[in-house]
């Protein structure tokens, strides 16, 4: 019996198993998408599977609208499989997107191309290309435009999202690959436009992180702006993280820390038994500055004097990773 409403999961499972008996036709779908858990989206797509003498040719056209159709991404992919279900390593794939200038193109290749992974295990070209793309990601984005009637922030910011497998300590390379740029903003209005559509930290899954950093600074220890810096770490019991995160980022955007350009960004990390909030700064050896950041952080988070706070340099963090 043919399925009338196949989903993306169905497509990937069947594409990997090579069982196309009930997929030799075109089908359209519309569904709520939860693959990017921080943004609520709607997906529209069209799959066409054609049989020929060489096997099966699968053409996928996938469109995702997010922020109530405020932005749109379209992907067109083609995969060829022989009659035994073995994928050809050649895959035609184009990614197109239309979105406001403050939002980055979200990466939906994981959604479309799950069945491509096995076919490319021995193909190093894609991995090399992916690394090159990550290196130029910060430099290739257009400047953020601000309307005359908007209230400009002192610094422009970028919001990043990452998620790692629970229980696994990520390498530096895998950490970089897991970082997804969600959006950028340079005014109060642009910030609220982005923030109002995000899932709150308390609703995120375990081992998930938000990173809010100044534009031009990537949330990595190796970034030039972070190499000599460190971070204040605050561990929170469950149930407090959403309020504390909002208080922190509003204080950061409002320049309440009063330490000039020292602040690089802030991170919220959702873990199994606790949640963690961090503030990164540029100069770990400037004890007066780190003390001021600590005191401001304690104030904006309404932490009691007995609350535990830890400062850790990025050099220490790097050494811990290299020991693993």
C-alpha atoms as a PDB file:
ATOM      1  CA  UNK A   1       0.000   0.000   0.000  1.00  0.00           C
ATOM      2  CA  UNK A   2       1.331   3.423  -0.925  1.00  0.00           C
ATOM      3  CA  UNK A   3       1.937   6.048   1.693  1.00  0.00           C
ATOM      4  CA  UNK A   4      -0.092   9.168   1.042  1.00  0.00           C
ATOM      5  CA  UNK A   5       1.777  11.526   3.364  1.00  0.00           C
ATOM      6  CA  UNK A   6       5.456  10.586   3.556  1.00  0.00           C
ATOM      7  CA  UNK A   7       7.637  12.693   5.824  1.00  0.00           C
ATOM      8  CA  UNK A   8      11.281  13.650   5.663  1.00  0.00           C
ATOM      9  CA  UNK A   9      12.102  10.813   8.063  1.00  0.00           C
ATOM     10  CA  UNK A  10      10.350   8.322   5.774  1.00  0.00           C
ATOM     11  CA  UNK A  11      12.289   9.597   2.794  1.00  0.00           C
ATOM     12  CA  UNK A  12      15.653   9.254   4.520  1.00  0.00           C
ATOM     13  CA  UNK A  13      14.900   5.763   5.854  1.00  0.00           C
ATOM     14  CA  UNK A  14      13.760   4.488   2.477  1.00  0.00           C
ATOM     15  CA  UNK A  15      16.606   6.212   0.648  1.00  0.00           C
ATOM     16  CA  UNK A  16      19.132   4.478   2.895  1.00  0.00           C
ATOM     17  CA  UNK A  17      17.461   1.067   2.742  1.00  0.00           C
ATOM     18  CA  UNK A  18      17.051   1.049  -1.028  1.00  0.00           C
ATOM     19  CA  UNK A  19      13.375   0.061  -0.819  1.00  0.00           C
ATOM     20  CA  UNK A  20      11.674   2.289  -3.375  1.00  0.00           C
ATOM     21  CA  UNK A  21       8.778   0.037  -4.377  1.00  0.00           C
ATOM     22  CA  UNK A  22       6.104   2.435  -3.175  1.00  0.00           C
ATOM     23  CA  UNK A  23       8.050   5.631  -3.931  1.00  0.00           C
ATOM     24  CA  UNK A  24       7.990   5.630  -7.739  1.00  0.00           C
ATOM     25  CA  UNK A  25       5.815   8.699  -7.960  1.00  0.00           C
ATOM     26  CA  UNK A  26       5.774  12.373  -7.089  1.00  0.00           C
ATOM     27  CA  UNK A  27       4.468  13.579  -3.762  1.00  0.00           C
ATOM     28  CA  UNK A  28       4.152  16.916  -2.029  1.00  0.00           C
ATOM     29  CA  UNK A  29       4.173  17.475   1.709  1.00  0.00           C
ATOM     30  CA  UNK A  30       3.634  20.209   4.250  1.00  0.00           C
ATOM     31  CA  UNK A  31       4.667  19.736   7.848  1.00  0.00           C
ATOM     32  CA  UNK A  32       5.816  21.485  10.982  1.00  0.00           C
ATOM     33  CA  UNK A  33       9.580  21.235  11.165  1.00  0.00           C
ATOM     34  CA  UNK A  34      11.449  20.586  14.405  1.00  0.00           C
ATOM     35  CA  UNK A  35      14.954  19.873  13.131  1.00  0.00           C
ATOM     36  CA  UNK A  36      16.132  23.322  14.137  1.00  0.00           C
ATOM     37  CA  UNK A  37      14.779  23.265  17.698  1.00  0.00           C
ATOM     38  CA  UNK A  38      15.456  26.938  18.413  1.00  0.00           C
ATOM     39  CA  UNK A  39      13.159  28.238  15.662  1.00  0.00           C
ATOM     40  CA  UNK A  40       9.662  27.132  14.765  1.00  0.00           C
ATOM     41  CA  UNK A  41       9.363  26.599  11.034  1.00  0.00           C
ATOM     42  CA  UNK A  42       7.068  25.205   8.378  1.00  0.00           C
ATOM     43  CA  UNK A  43       8.397  23.013   5.574  1.00  0.00           C
ATOM     44  CA  UNK A  44       7.032  22.558   2.076  1.00  0.00           C
ATOM     45  CA  UNK A  45       8.480  20.014  -0.292  1.00  0.00           C
ATOM     46  CA  UNK A  46       8.170  17.906  -3.395  1.00  0.00           C
ATOM     47  CA  UNK A  47       9.805  14.530  -4.022  1.00  0.00           C
ATOM     48  CA  UNK A  48       9.905  12.903  -7.439  1.00  0.00           C
ATOM     49  CA  UNK A  49      11.352   9.413  -7.879  1.00  0.00           C
ATOM     50  CA  UNK A  50      11.861   8.209 -11.428  1.00  0.00           C
ATOM     51  CA  UNK A  51      12.898   4.707 -12.474  1.00  0.00           C
ATOM     52  CA  UNK A  52      15.157   4.256 -15.491  1.00  0.00           C
ATOM     53  CA  UNK A  53      17.513   1.596 -16.853  1.00  0.00           C
ATOM     54  CA  UNK A  54      20.226   2.529 -14.367  1.00  0.00           C
ATOM     55  CA  UNK A  55      18.094   2.490 -11.223  1.00  0.00           C
ATOM     56  CA  UNK A  56      16.280   5.318  -9.484  1.00  0.00           C
ATOM     57  CA  UNK A  57      16.740   9.077  -9.713  1.00  0.00           C
ATOM     58  CA  UNK A  58      15.393  10.995  -6.731  1.00  0.00           C
ATOM     59  CA  UNK A  59      14.780  14.701  -7.109  1.00  0.00           C
ATOM     60  CA  UNK A  60      13.943  16.637  -3.969  1.00  0.00           C
ATOM     61  CA  UNK A  61      12.776  20.224  -3.795  1.00  0.00           C
ATOM     62  CA  UNK A  62      12.521  21.454  -0.230  1.00  0.00           C
ATOM     63  CA  UNK A  63      11.440  24.879   0.975  1.00  0.00           C
ATOM     64  CA  UNK A  64      11.452  26.057   4.559  1.00  0.00           C
ATOM     65  CA  UNK A  65       9.778  29.224   5.767  1.00  0.00           C
ATOM     66  CA  UNK A  66      10.697  30.543   9.183  1.00  0.00           C
ATOM     67  CA  UNK A  67       9.615  33.516  11.272  1.00  0.00           C
ATOM     68  CA  UNK A  68       6.122  33.360   9.738  1.00  0.00           C
ATOM     69  CA  UNK A  69       7.518  33.410   6.179  1.00  0.00           C
ATOM     70  CA  UNK A  70       9.816  36.314   7.095  1.00  0.00           C
ATOM     71  CA  UNK A  71      12.635  34.302   5.580  1.00  0.00           C
ATOM     72  CA  UNK A  72      12.762  31.431   3.131  1.00  0.00           C
ATOM     73  CA  UNK A  73      15.283  28.765   2.168  1.00  0.00           C
ATOM     74  CA  UNK A  74      15.050  26.467  -0.835  1.00  0.00           C
ATOM     75  CA  UNK A  75      17.093  23.378  -1.600  1.00  0.00           C
ATOM     76  CA  UNK A  76      17.067  21.260  -4.757  1.00  0.00           C
ATOM     77  CA  UNK A  77      18.865  17.919  -4.587  1.00  0.00           C
ATOM     78  CA  UNK A  78      19.275  14.904  -6.848  1.00  0.00           C
ATOM     79  CA  UNK A  79      20.431  11.434  -5.816  1.00  0.00           C
ATOM     80  CA  UNK A  80      20.915   8.382  -7.993  1.00  0.00           C
ATOM     81  CA  UNK A  81      20.650   4.834  -6.605  1.00  0.00           C
ATOM     82  CA  UNK A  82      21.132   1.572  -8.435  1.00  0.00           C
ATOM     83  CA  UNK A  83      18.618  -1.259  -8.151  1.00  0.00           C
ATOM     84  CA  UNK A  84      20.404  -2.676  -5.106  1.00  0.00           C
ATOM     85  CA  UNK A  85      19.954   0.574  -3.217  1.00  0.00           C
ATOM     86  CA  UNK A  86      23.605   1.651  -3.480  1.00  0.00           C
ATOM     87  CA  UNK A  87      23.987   5.408  -3.793  1.00  0.00           C
ATOM     88  CA  UNK A  88      26.079   7.030  -6.479  1.00  0.00           C
ATOM     89  CA  UNK A  89      28.674   9.268  -4.850  1.00  0.00           C
ATOM     90  CA  UNK A  90      27.797  12.049  -7.266  1.00  0.00           C
ATOM     91  CA  UNK A  91      25.050  14.219  -5.880  1.00  0.00           C
ATOM     92  CA  UNK A  92      23.715  17.374  -7.477  1.00  0.00           C
ATOM     93  CA  UNK A  93      22.728  19.822  -4.788  1.00  0.00           C
ATOM     94  CA  UNK A  94      21.966  23.537  -4.848  1.00  0.00           C
ATOM     95  CA  UNK A  95      21.061  25.683  -1.878  1.00  0.00           C
ATOM     96  CA  UNK A  96      19.227  28.960  -2.369  1.00  0.00           C
ATOM     97  CA  UNK A  97      17.870  31.269   0.287  1.00  0.00           C
ATOM     98  CA  UNK A  98      16.015  34.514   0.634  1.00  0.00           C
ATOM     99  CA  UNK A  99      16.010  36.144   4.036  1.00  0.00           C
ATOM    100  CA  UNK A 100      16.408  39.546   5.686  1.00  0.00           C
ATOM    101  CA  UNK A 101      19.951  40.808   5.783  1.00  0.00           C
ATOM    102  CA  UNK A 102      20.210  40.388   9.545  1.00  0.00           C
ATOM    103  CA  UNK A 103      19.561  36.630   9.341  1.00  0.00           C
ATOM    104  CA  UNK A 104      22.119  34.158   8.123  1.00  0.00           C
ATOM    105  CA  UNK A 105      21.302  31.289   5.741  1.00  0.00           C
ATOM    106  CA  UNK A 106      20.357  28.398   8.005  1.00  0.00           C
ATOM    107  CA  UNK A 107      21.912  25.071   7.161  1.00  0.00           C
ATOM    108  CA  UNK A 108      19.331  22.482   6.099  1.00  0.00           C
ATOM    109  CA  UNK A 109      21.739  20.074   4.415  1.00  0.00           C
ATOM    110  CA  UNK A 110      21.324  17.732   7.371  1.00  0.00           C
ATOM    111  CA  UNK A 111      17.617  17.484   6.558  1.00  0.00           C
ATOM    112  CA  UNK A 112      17.910  16.948   2.827  1.00  0.00           C
ATOM    113  CA  UNK A 113      21.092  14.935   2.582  1.00  0.00           C
ATOM    114  CA  UNK A 114      21.011  12.292   5.298  1.00  0.00           C
ATOM    115  CA  UNK A 115      21.158   9.551   2.679  1.00  0.00           C
ATOM    116  CA  UNK A 116      24.222  11.157   1.124  1.00  0.00           C
ATOM    117  CA  UNK A 117      26.468  10.593   4.123  1.00  0.00           C
ATOM    118  CA  UNK A 118      27.210   6.904   3.540  1.00  0.00           C
ATOM    119  CA  UNK A 119      27.889   7.512  -0.120  1.00  0.00           C
ATOM    120  CA  UNK A 120      30.547  10.093   0.697  1.00  0.00           C
ATOM    121  CA  UNK A 121      32.409   8.344   3.515  1.00  0.00           C
ATOM    122  CA  UNK A 122      35.434   7.848   1.286  1.00  0.00           C
ATOM    123  CA  UNK A 123      35.172  11.223  -0.433  1.00  0.00           C
ATOM    124  CA  UNK A 124      37.479  13.778   1.190  1.00  0.00           C
ATOM    125  CA  UNK A 125      36.547  16.636  -1.131  1.00  0.00           C
ATOM    126  CA  UNK A 126      33.348  17.482   0.721  1.00  0.00           C
ATOM    127  CA  UNK A 127      35.122  17.618   4.078  1.00  0.00           C
ATOM    128  CA  UNK A 128      37.802  19.936   2.716  1.00  0.00           C
ATOM    129  CA  UNK A 129      35.193  22.177   1.145  1.00  0.00           C
ATOM    130  CA  UNK A 130      33.236  22.290   4.405  1.00  0.00           C
ATOM    131  CA  UNK A 131      36.323  23.436   6.321  1.00  0.00           C
ATOM    132  CA  UNK A 132      37.008  26.147   3.755  1.00  0.00           C
ATOM    133  CA  UNK A 133      33.429  27.363   4.039  1.00  0.00           C
ATOM    134  CA  UNK A 134      33.727  27.603   7.821  1.00  0.00           C
ATOM    135  CA  UNK A 135      36.919  29.645   7.574  1.00  0.00           C
ATOM    136  CA  UNK A 136      35.298  32.242   5.327  1.00  0.00           C
ATOM    137  CA  UNK A 137      31.892  32.271   7.032  1.00  0.00           C
ATOM    138  CA  UNK A 138      32.520  35.388   9.111  1.00  0.00           C
ATOM    139  CA  UNK A 139      34.082  37.306   6.224  1.00  0.00           C
ATOM    140  CA  UNK A 140      31.491  36.423   3.571  1.00  0.00           C
ATOM    141  CA  UNK A 141      28.422  37.842   5.337  1.00  0.00           C
ATOM    142  CA  UNK A 142      27.139  41.234   4.198  1.00  0.00           C
ATOM    143  CA  UNK A 143      27.130  44.216   6.568  1.00  0.00           C
ATOM    144  CA  UNK A 144      24.074  44.645   8.756  1.00  0.00           C
ATOM    145  CA  UNK A 145      21.819  47.441   7.547  1.00  0.00           C
ATOM    146  CA  UNK A 146      20.005  49.617  10.080  1.00  0.00           C
ATOM    147  CA  UNK A 147      16.951  51.694   9.264  1.00  0.00           C
ATOM    148  CA  UNK A 148      17.129  55.375  10.252  1.00  0.00           C
ATOM    149  CA  UNK A 149      14.264  54.977  12.733  1.00  0.00           C
ATOM    150  CA  UNK A 150      15.929  52.068  14.586  1.00  0.00           C
ATOM    151  CA  UNK A 151      17.942  52.396  17.782  1.00  0.00           C
ATOM    152  CA  UNK A 152      21.507  51.347  17.085  1.00  0.00           C
ATOM    153  CA  UNK A 153      23.401  49.236  19.612  1.00  0.00           C
ATOM    154  CA  UNK A 154      26.982  50.110  20.486  1.00  0.00           C
ATOM    155  CA  UNK A 155      28.123  46.793  18.973  1.00  0.00           C
ATOM    156  CA  UNK A 156      26.612  44.422  16.434  1.00  0.00           C
ATOM    157  CA  UNK A 157      26.023  40.871  17.675  1.00  0.00           C
ATOM    158  CA  UNK A 158      25.675  37.378  16.230  1.00  0.00           C
ATOM    159  CA  UNK A 159      23.702  34.517  17.770  1.00  0.00           C
ATOM    160  CA  UNK A 160      25.112  31.007  17.384  1.00  0.00           C
ATOM    161  CA  UNK A 161      23.638  27.619  18.229  1.00  0.00           C
ATOM    162  CA  UNK A 162      25.381  24.308  18.871  1.00  0.00           C
ATOM    163  CA  UNK A 163      24.459  20.840  20.052  1.00  0.00           C
ATOM    164  CA  UNK A 164      26.708  17.880  20.743  1.00  0.00           C
ATOM    165  CA  UNK A 165      26.038  14.250  21.492  1.00  0.00           C
ATOM    166  CA  UNK A 166      25.505  13.748  25.241  1.00  0.00           C
ATOM    167  CA  UNK A 167      28.427  12.100  27.002  1.00  0.00           C
ATOM    168  CA  UNK A 168      30.920  12.855  24.236  1.00  0.00           C
ATOM    169  CA  UNK A 169      33.709  15.382  24.705  1.00  0.00           C
ATOM    170  CA  UNK A 170      33.925  17.287  21.402  1.00  0.00           C
ATOM    171  CA  UNK A 171      37.226  17.926  19.667  1.00  0.00           C
ATOM    172  CA  UNK A 172      38.096  21.436  18.523  1.00  0.00           C
ATOM    173  CA  UNK A 173      37.294  20.483  14.937  1.00  0.00           C
ATOM    174  CA  UNK A 174      33.911  18.938  15.745  1.00  0.00           C
ATOM    175  CA  UNK A 175      33.030  21.917  17.951  1.00  0.00           C
ATOM    176  CA  UNK A 176      33.638  24.283  15.038  1.00  0.00           C
ATOM    177  CA  UNK A 177      31.531  22.135  12.720  1.00  0.00           C
ATOM    178  CA  UNK A 178      28.635  22.067  15.212  1.00  0.00           C
ATOM    179  CA  UNK A 179      28.385  25.861  15.426  1.00  0.00           C
ATOM    180  CA  UNK A 180      25.416  27.218  13.462  1.00  0.00           C
ATOM    181  CA  UNK A 181      25.000  30.937  12.890  1.00  0.00           C
ATOM    182  CA  UNK A 182      21.350  31.748  13.579  1.00  0.00           C
ATOM    183  CA  UNK A 183      21.199  35.493  13.053  1.00  0.00           C
ATOM    184  CA  UNK A 184      22.814  38.892  13.476  1.00  0.00           C
ATOM    185  CA  UNK A 185      21.536  42.232  14.669  1.00  0.00           C
ATOM    186  CA  UNK A 186      22.816  45.764  15.247  1.00  0.00           C
ATOM    187  CA  UNK A 187      19.784  47.573  16.658  1.00  0.00           C
ATOM    188  CA  UNK A 188      17.316  47.142  19.495  1.00  0.00           C
ATOM    189  CA  UNK A 189      14.498  46.439  17.031  1.00  0.00           C
ATOM    190  CA  UNK A 190      16.492  43.791  15.173  1.00  0.00           C
ATOM    191  CA  UNK A 191      17.372  42.081  18.449  1.00  0.00           C
ATOM    192  CA  UNK A 192      13.735  41.787  19.553  1.00  0.00           C
ATOM    193  CA  UNK A 193      12.702  40.636  16.087  1.00  0.00           C
ATOM    194  CA  UNK A 194      15.100  37.708  16.435  1.00  0.00           C
ATOM    195  CA  UNK A 195      14.765  37.042  20.155  1.00  0.00           C
ATOM    196  CA  UNK A 196      10.956  36.940  20.170  1.00  0.00           C
ATOM    197  CA  UNK A 197      10.992  33.961  17.786  1.00  0.00           C
ATOM    198  CA  UNK A 198      13.553  31.886  19.678  1.00  0.00           C
ATOM    199  CA  UNK A 199      12.835  28.989  21.979  1.00  0.00           C
ATOM    200  CA  UNK A 200      13.741  29.845  25.565  1.00  0.00           C
ATOM    201  CA  UNK A 201      16.813  28.090  27.012  1.00  0.00           C
ATOM    202  CA  UNK A 202      14.714  26.089  29.480  1.00  0.00           C
ATOM    203  CA  UNK A 203      12.911  24.486  26.507  1.00  0.00           C
ATOM    204  CA  UNK A 204      16.118  23.362  24.785  1.00  0.00           C
ATOM    205  CA  UNK A 205      17.334  19.781  24.864  1.00  0.00           C
ATOM    206  CA  UNK A 206      20.314  18.656  26.925  1.00  0.00           C
ATOM    207  CA  UNK A 207      23.818  19.389  25.568  1.00  0.00           C
ATOM    208  CA  UNK A 208      22.596  22.448  23.679  1.00  0.00           C
ATOM    209  CA  UNK A 209      24.192  25.903  23.744  1.00  0.00           C
ATOM    210  CA  UNK A 210      23.338  29.451  22.712  1.00  0.00           C
ATOM    211  CA  UNK A 211      26.296  31.763  22.035  1.00  0.00           C
ATOM    212  CA  UNK A 212      25.719  35.524  21.746  1.00  0.00           C
ATOM    213  CA  UNK A 213      28.944  37.205  20.599  1.00  0.00           C
ATOM    214  CA  UNK A 214      29.991  40.461  19.027  1.00  0.00           C
ATOM    215  CA  UNK A 215      30.083  40.298  15.240  1.00  0.00           C
ATOM    216  CA  UNK A 216      33.586  39.348  14.116  1.00  0.00           C
ATOM    217  CA  UNK A 217      34.270  37.169  17.177  1.00  0.00           C
ATOM    218  CA  UNK A 218      33.522  33.484  16.820  1.00  0.00           C
ATOM    219  CA  UNK A 219      32.623  31.646  20.059  1.00  0.00           C
ATOM    220  CA  UNK A 220      35.817  29.587  20.039  1.00  0.00           C
ATOM    221  CA  UNK A 221      38.915  29.722  22.238  1.00  0.00           C
ATOM    222  CA  UNK A 222      41.112  29.896  19.131  1.00  0.00           C
ATOM    223  CA  UNK A 223      39.534  33.098  17.810  1.00  0.00           C
ATOM    224  CA  UNK A 224      42.044  35.940  17.877  1.00  0.00           C
ATOM    225  CA  UNK A 225      39.871  38.025  20.196  1.00  0.00           C
ATOM    226  CA  UNK A 226      39.589  35.146  22.698  1.00  0.00           C
ATOM    227  CA  UNK A 227      43.120  33.732  22.746  1.00  0.00           C
ATOM    228  CA  UNK A 228      44.297  35.742  25.772  1.00  0.00           C
ATOM    229  CA  UNK A 229      40.947  35.784  27.501  1.00  0.00           C
ATOM    230  CA  UNK A 230      38.821  33.729  29.808  1.00  0.00           C
ATOM    231  CA  UNK A 231      35.289  33.355  31.109  1.00  0.00           C
ATOM    232  CA  UNK A 232      33.241  33.648  34.251  1.00  0.00           C
ATOM    233  CA  UNK A 233      31.186  30.502  34.890  1.00  0.00           C
ATOM    234  CA  UNK A 234      27.917  30.444  36.832  1.00  0.00           C
ATOM    235  CA  UNK A 235      26.191  27.111  37.492  1.00  0.00           C
ATOM    236  CA  UNK A 236      22.431  27.260  37.948  1.00  0.00           C
ATOM    237  CA  UNK A 237      19.925  24.785  39.266  1.00  0.00           C
ATOM    238  CA  UNK A 238      17.188  23.763  36.859  1.00  0.00           C
ATOM    239  CA  UNK A 239      14.376  26.255  36.337  1.00  0.00           C
ATOM    240  CA  UNK A 240      16.401  29.475  36.554  1.00  0.00           C
ATOM    241  CA  UNK A 241      18.232  29.601  33.251  1.00  0.00           C
ATOM    242  CA  UNK A 242      15.709  31.430  31.032  1.00  0.00           C
ATOM    243  CA  UNK A 243      15.321  34.382  33.378  1.00  0.00           C
ATOM    244  CA  UNK A 244      19.051  34.603  34.072  1.00  0.00           C
ATOM    245  CA  UNK A 245      19.952  34.373  30.377  1.00  0.00           C
ATOM    246  CA  UNK A 246      17.549  37.167  29.454  1.00  0.00           C
ATOM    247  CA  UNK A 247      18.845  39.387  32.256  1.00  0.00           C
ATOM    248  CA  UNK A 248      22.412  38.738  31.160  1.00  0.00           C
ATOM    249  CA  UNK A 249      22.019  39.482  27.463  1.00  0.00           C
ATOM    250  CA  UNK A 250      19.986  42.631  28.135  1.00  0.00           C
ATOM    251  CA  UNK A 251      22.736  43.821  30.469  1.00  0.00           C
ATOM    252  CA  UNK A 252      25.359  43.018  27.845  1.00  0.00           C
ATOM    253  CA  UNK A 253      23.502  44.799  25.032  1.00  0.00           C
ATOM    254  CA  UNK A 254      22.893  47.762  27.336  1.00  0.00           C
ATOM    255  CA  UNK A 255      26.623  48.021  28.183  1.00  0.00           C
ATOM    256  CA  UNK A 256      26.020  47.575  31.913  1.00  0.00           C
ATOM    257  CA  UNK A 257      29.373  45.864  32.448  1.00  0.00           C
ATOM    258  CA  UNK A 258      31.244  49.155  31.869  1.00  0.00           C
ATOM    259  CA  UNK A 259      34.489  47.507  30.755  1.00  0.00           C
ATOM    260  CA  UNK A 260      34.780  48.967  27.262  1.00  0.00           C
ATOM    261  CA  UNK A 261      35.570  46.417  24.558  1.00  0.00           C
ATOM    262  CA  UNK A 262      36.547  43.681  27.013  1.00  0.00           C
ATOM    263  CA  UNK A 263      33.302  41.709  26.707  1.00  0.00           C
ATOM    264  CA  UNK A 264      33.401  39.194  23.834  1.00  0.00           C
ATOM    265  CA  UNK A 265      30.096  37.447  24.385  1.00  0.00           C
ATOM    266  CA  UNK A 266      27.980  35.175  26.547  1.00  0.00           C
ATOM    267  CA  UNK A 267      27.057  31.489  26.467  1.00  0.00           C
ATOM    268  CA  UNK A 268      24.189  29.519  27.968  1.00  0.00           C
ATOM    269  CA  UNK A 269      24.659  25.742  28.185  1.00  0.00           C
ATOM    270  CA  UNK A 270      21.867  23.281  28.935  1.00  0.00           C
ATOM    271  CA  UNK A 271      23.075  20.180  30.756  1.00  0.00           C
ATOM    272  CA  UNK A 272      21.439  17.179  32.404  1.00  0.00           C
ATOM    273  CA  UNK A 273      21.563  18.154  36.091  1.00  0.00           C
ATOM    274  CA  UNK A 274      22.307  21.869  35.835  1.00  0.00           C
ATOM    275  CA  UNK A 275      22.509  24.789  33.438  1.00  0.00           C
ATOM    276  CA  UNK A 276      25.550  27.005  32.935  1.00  0.00           C
ATOM    277  CA  UNK A 277      25.938  30.661  31.996  1.00  0.00           C
ATOM    278  CA  UNK A 278      29.297  32.120  30.982  1.00  0.00           C
ATOM    279  CA  UNK A 279      30.615  35.573  30.101  1.00  0.00           C
ATOM    280  CA  UNK A 280      33.746  35.703  27.937  1.00  0.00           C
ATOM    281  CA  UNK A 281      36.239  38.578  28.052  1.00  0.00           C
ATOM    282  CA  UNK A 282      39.406  39.392  26.098  1.00  0.00           C
ATOM    283  CA  UNK A 283      42.086  39.778  28.778  1.00  0.00           C
ATOM    284  CA  UNK A 284      42.308  37.168  31.503  1.00  0.00           C
ATOM    285  CA  UNK A 285      45.319  38.875  33.112  1.00  0.00           C
ATOM    286  CA  UNK A 286      43.417  42.130  33.749  1.00  0.00           C
ATOM    287  CA  UNK A 287      42.241  41.331  37.257  1.00  0.00           C
ATOM    288  CA  UNK A 288      40.474  44.658  37.816  1.00  0.00           C
ATOM    289  CA  UNK A 289      38.370  44.100  34.697  1.00  0.00           C
ATOM    290  CA  UNK A 290      37.538  40.489  35.516  1.00  0.00           C
ATOM    291  CA  UNK A 291      36.526  41.560  39.033  1.00  0.00           C
ATOM    292  CA  UNK A 292      34.185  44.219  37.636  1.00  0.00           C
ATOM    293  CA  UNK A 293      32.632  41.666  35.274  1.00  0.00           C
ATOM    294  CA  UNK A 294      32.129  39.291  38.213  1.00  0.00           C
ATOM    295  CA  UNK A 295      30.414  41.935  40.331  1.00  0.00           C
ATOM    296  CA  UNK A 296      28.146  43.069  37.482  1.00  0.00           C
ATOM    297  CA  UNK A 297      27.272  39.475  36.640  1.00  0.00           C
ATOM    298  CA  UNK A 298      26.354  38.782  40.252  1.00  0.00           C
ATOM    299  CA  UNK A 299      24.143  41.885  40.275  1.00  0.00           C
ATOM    300  CA  UNK A 300      22.257  41.336  36.998  1.00  0.00           C
ATOM    301  CA  UNK A 301      21.638  37.661  37.810  1.00  0.00           C
ATOM    302  CA  UNK A 302      20.553  38.529  41.380  1.00  0.00           C
ATOM    303  CA  UNK A 303      22.991  35.988  42.782  1.00  0.00           C
ATOM    304  CA  UNK A 304      23.413  35.748  46.559  1.00  0.00           C
ATOM    305  CA  UNK A 305      26.827  36.433  48.030  1.00  0.00           C
ATOM    306  CA  UNK A 306      27.214  32.711  48.717  1.00  0.00           C
ATOM    307  CA  UNK A 307      26.730  31.742  45.057  1.00  0.00           C
ATOM    308  CA  UNK A 308      29.712  29.954  43.529  1.00  0.00           C
ATOM    309  CA  UNK A 309      31.426  31.627  40.557  1.00  0.00           C
ATOM    310  CA  UNK A 310      34.493  30.325  38.755  1.00  0.00           C
ATOM    311  CA  UNK A 311      36.898  32.096  36.394  1.00  0.00           C
ATOM    312  CA  UNK A 312      38.728  29.973  33.837  1.00  0.00           C
ATOM    313  CA  UNK A 313      41.190  31.095  31.182  1.00  0.00           C
ATOM    314  CA  UNK A 314      40.802  29.790  27.644  1.00  0.00           C
ATOM    315  CA  UNK A 315      44.364  28.465  27.795  1.00  0.00           C
ATOM    316  CA  UNK A 316      43.286  26.195  30.648  1.00  0.00           C
ATOM    317  CA  UNK A 317      40.326  24.982  28.613  1.00  0.00           C
ATOM    318  CA  UNK A 318      42.550  24.243  25.615  1.00  0.00           C
ATOM    319  CA  UNK A 319      44.988  22.269  27.766  1.00  0.00           C
ATOM    320  CA  UNK A 320      42.134  20.183  29.146  1.00  0.00           C
ATOM    321  CA  UNK A 321      40.967  19.336  25.612  1.00  0.00           C
ATOM    322  CA  UNK A 322      44.447  18.343  24.464  1.00  0.00           C
ATOM    323  CA  UNK A 323      44.795  15.995  27.445  1.00  0.00           C
ATOM    324  CA  UNK A 324      41.760  13.969  26.300  1.00  0.00           C
END
